[in-house]
Protein backbone atom coordinates (compact mmCIF):
# COMPACT_ATOMS: atom_id res chain seq x y z
CA UNK A 1 235.38 -118.71 -78.59
CA UNK A 2 235.20 -118.47 -82.37
CA UNK A 3 231.59 -118.93 -83.36
CA UNK A 4 230.33 -118.91 -86.95
CA UNK A 5 228.85 -115.47 -86.24
CA UNK A 6 232.22 -114.22 -84.91
CA UNK A 7 234.01 -115.57 -87.97
CA UNK A 8 231.62 -113.75 -90.32
CA UNK A 9 231.92 -110.54 -88.30
CA UNK A 10 235.73 -110.58 -88.56
CA UNK A 11 235.87 -111.83 -92.14
CA UNK A 12 236.52 -110.03 -95.37
CA UNK A 13 232.73 -109.74 -95.73
CA UNK A 14 232.71 -107.01 -93.07
CA UNK A 15 235.84 -105.25 -94.34
CA UNK A 16 235.64 -101.68 -95.58
CA UNK A 17 238.38 -102.46 -98.10
CA UNK A 18 236.97 -104.00 -101.26
CA UNK A 19 238.56 -107.28 -102.31
CA UNK A 20 239.70 -107.85 -105.90
CA UNK A 21 236.70 -109.65 -107.33
CA UNK A 22 237.28 -109.58 -111.09
CA UNK A 23 237.56 -113.31 -111.39
CA UNK A 24 237.04 -113.81 -115.12
CA UNK A 25 240.37 -115.52 -115.69
CA UNK A 26 240.55 -117.21 -112.28
CA UNK A 27 237.12 -118.78 -112.81
CA UNK A 28 237.96 -119.90 -116.35
CA UNK A 29 241.18 -121.46 -115.08
CA UNK A 30 239.31 -123.23 -112.27
CA UNK A 31 236.69 -124.55 -114.71
CA UNK A 32 239.41 -125.84 -117.04
CA UNK A 33 241.32 -127.47 -114.17
CA UNK A 34 238.15 -129.17 -112.95
CA UNK A 35 237.58 -130.70 -116.39
CA UNK A 36 241.24 -131.50 -117.11
CA UNK A 37 241.90 -133.05 -113.68
CA UNK A 38 238.57 -134.81 -113.39
CA UNK A 39 237.78 -138.42 -114.15
CA UNK A 40 235.46 -137.67 -117.09
CA UNK A 41 235.98 -136.54 -120.68
CA UNK A 42 234.37 -133.30 -121.89
CA UNK A 43 231.49 -135.15 -123.60
CA UNK A 44 230.87 -137.09 -120.39
CA UNK A 45 230.92 -133.86 -118.34
CA UNK A 46 228.35 -132.38 -120.73
CA UNK A 47 226.15 -135.49 -120.41
CA UNK A 48 226.45 -135.43 -116.61
CA UNK A 49 225.59 -131.72 -116.49
CA UNK A 50 222.54 -132.31 -118.67
CA UNK A 51 221.52 -135.15 -116.36
CA UNK A 52 221.95 -132.95 -113.28
CA UNK A 53 219.97 -130.13 -114.87
CA UNK A 54 217.06 -132.52 -115.34
CA UNK A 55 216.57 -132.12 -119.08
CA UNK A 56 215.01 -128.67 -118.76
CA UNK A 57 218.01 -127.06 -120.44
CA UNK A 58 220.31 -128.71 -122.90
CA UNK A 59 224.04 -128.06 -122.96
CA UNK A 60 225.69 -128.78 -126.29
CA UNK A 61 229.36 -129.28 -127.07
CA UNK A 62 229.45 -125.85 -128.79
CA UNK A 63 227.86 -124.04 -125.85
CA UNK A 64 230.18 -125.82 -123.42
CA UNK A 65 233.27 -124.89 -125.51
CA UNK A 66 232.22 -121.23 -125.70
CA UNK A 67 232.07 -121.05 -121.91
CA UNK A 68 235.78 -121.83 -121.81
CA UNK A 69 236.83 -119.04 -124.17
CA UNK A 70 237.98 -115.85 -122.48
CA UNK A 71 236.88 -113.80 -125.48
CA UNK A 72 233.40 -115.32 -125.76
CA UNK A 73 230.63 -112.93 -124.69
CA UNK A 74 228.66 -115.72 -123.00
CA UNK A 75 229.96 -117.38 -119.86
CA UNK A 76 228.61 -120.36 -117.95
CA UNK A 77 225.50 -119.27 -116.06
CA UNK A 78 226.03 -119.28 -112.29
CA UNK A 79 223.02 -121.55 -111.76
CA UNK A 80 224.85 -124.26 -113.76
CA UNK A 81 227.85 -124.31 -111.41
CA UNK A 82 226.45 -126.94 -109.02
CA UNK A 83 225.74 -129.25 -111.98
CA UNK A 84 229.24 -128.58 -113.31
CA UNK A 85 230.79 -129.35 -109.92
CA UNK A 86 228.87 -132.59 -109.65
CA UNK A 87 229.71 -133.51 -113.25
CA UNK A 88 233.44 -132.94 -112.71
CA UNK A 89 233.52 -134.02 -109.05
CA UNK A 90 235.29 -130.76 -108.22
CA UNK A 91 234.42 -127.64 -106.23
CA UNK A 92 237.34 -125.74 -107.71
CA UNK A 93 235.09 -123.11 -109.38
CA UNK A 94 233.49 -122.27 -106.03
CA UNK A 95 236.91 -122.15 -104.38
CA UNK A 96 238.00 -119.60 -106.99
CA UNK A 97 234.85 -117.52 -106.51
CA UNK A 98 235.09 -117.48 -102.72
CA UNK A 99 238.85 -116.88 -102.48
CA UNK A 100 238.71 -113.04 -102.63
CA UNK A 101 236.55 -112.94 -99.51
CA UNK A 102 238.66 -115.52 -97.62
CA UNK A 103 236.08 -118.30 -97.67
CA UNK A 104 236.17 -121.79 -99.11
CA UNK A 105 233.55 -124.43 -99.79
CA UNK A 106 233.18 -127.13 -97.16
CA UNK A 107 231.33 -130.41 -97.54
CA UNK A 108 229.14 -132.09 -94.92
CA UNK A 109 232.12 -133.87 -93.34
CA UNK A 110 233.95 -130.56 -92.99
CA UNK A 111 230.92 -128.96 -91.36
CA UNK A 112 230.66 -131.93 -88.99
CA UNK A 113 234.33 -131.55 -88.09
CA UNK A 114 233.85 -127.84 -87.39
CA UNK A 115 230.85 -128.63 -85.19
CA UNK A 116 232.78 -131.36 -83.38
CA UNK A 117 235.72 -129.02 -82.81
CA UNK A 118 233.39 -126.32 -81.46
CA UNK A 119 231.79 -128.85 -79.09
CA UNK A 120 235.22 -130.04 -77.93
CA UNK A 121 236.23 -126.43 -77.27
CA UNK A 122 233.02 -125.82 -75.33
CA UNK A 123 233.62 -129.00 -73.34
CA UNK A 124 237.15 -127.85 -72.45
CA UNK A 125 235.83 -124.47 -71.35
CA UNK A 126 233.09 -126.08 -69.26
CA UNK A 127 235.60 -128.46 -67.68
CA UNK A 128 237.83 -125.51 -66.77
CA UNK A 129 234.82 -123.68 -65.28
CA UNK A 130 233.88 -126.73 -63.22
CA UNK A 131 237.48 -127.14 -62.01
CA UNK A 132 237.48 -123.48 -60.96
CA UNK A 133 234.18 -123.96 -59.14
CA UNK A 134 235.53 -127.02 -57.30
CA UNK A 135 238.67 -125.09 -56.37
CA UNK A 136 236.52 -122.26 -54.96
CA UNK A 137 234.38 -124.75 -53.01
CA UNK A 138 237.47 -126.40 -51.53
CA UNK A 139 238.97 -123.00 -50.68
CA UNK A 140 235.74 -121.89 -48.98
CA UNK A 141 235.55 -125.20 -47.11
CA UNK A 142 239.14 -124.75 -45.89
CA UNK A 143 238.42 -121.21 -44.74
CA UNK A 144 235.22 -122.32 -43.04
CA UNK A 145 236.96 -125.26 -41.38
CA UNK A 146 239.82 -123.12 -40.07
CA UNK A 147 237.44 -120.53 -38.63
CA UNK A 148 235.43 -123.18 -36.78
CA UNK A 149 238.52 -124.82 -35.29
CA UNK A 150 241.00 -122.12 -34.33
CA UNK A 151 244.58 -123.25 -33.93
CA UNK A 152 245.71 -123.91 -30.36
């Protein structure tokens, strides 16, 4: 059975071959797609990010714009990514970051579906085991019955 531990052990995380992880342009593209395809304008995304960050740090239009320039020395800090994802309603940046190691973000519903599928698989395996046990019991009963009543 594929367990979460088994998946991690056979994943790219355990590979001796290093994945291509220079994601500068892939991440920028994912950030831009999240903003361009999202339901909010850039100023609204900035406001939503500031709301999600709780007012401790203030993102301005200039700072936000610099994060989207490939030549800018400053990129969006990683700790801002959850606020960005919430603000744009997109996990595309995390998808881009996880792609080289063959992982993808999954929401609570996805995790529930994985758990349900694992339980269904376990149930099938247990049903097969019980059917095998019943078959063995019936076979033993038939052998026992035939030895007690020899054929005439």
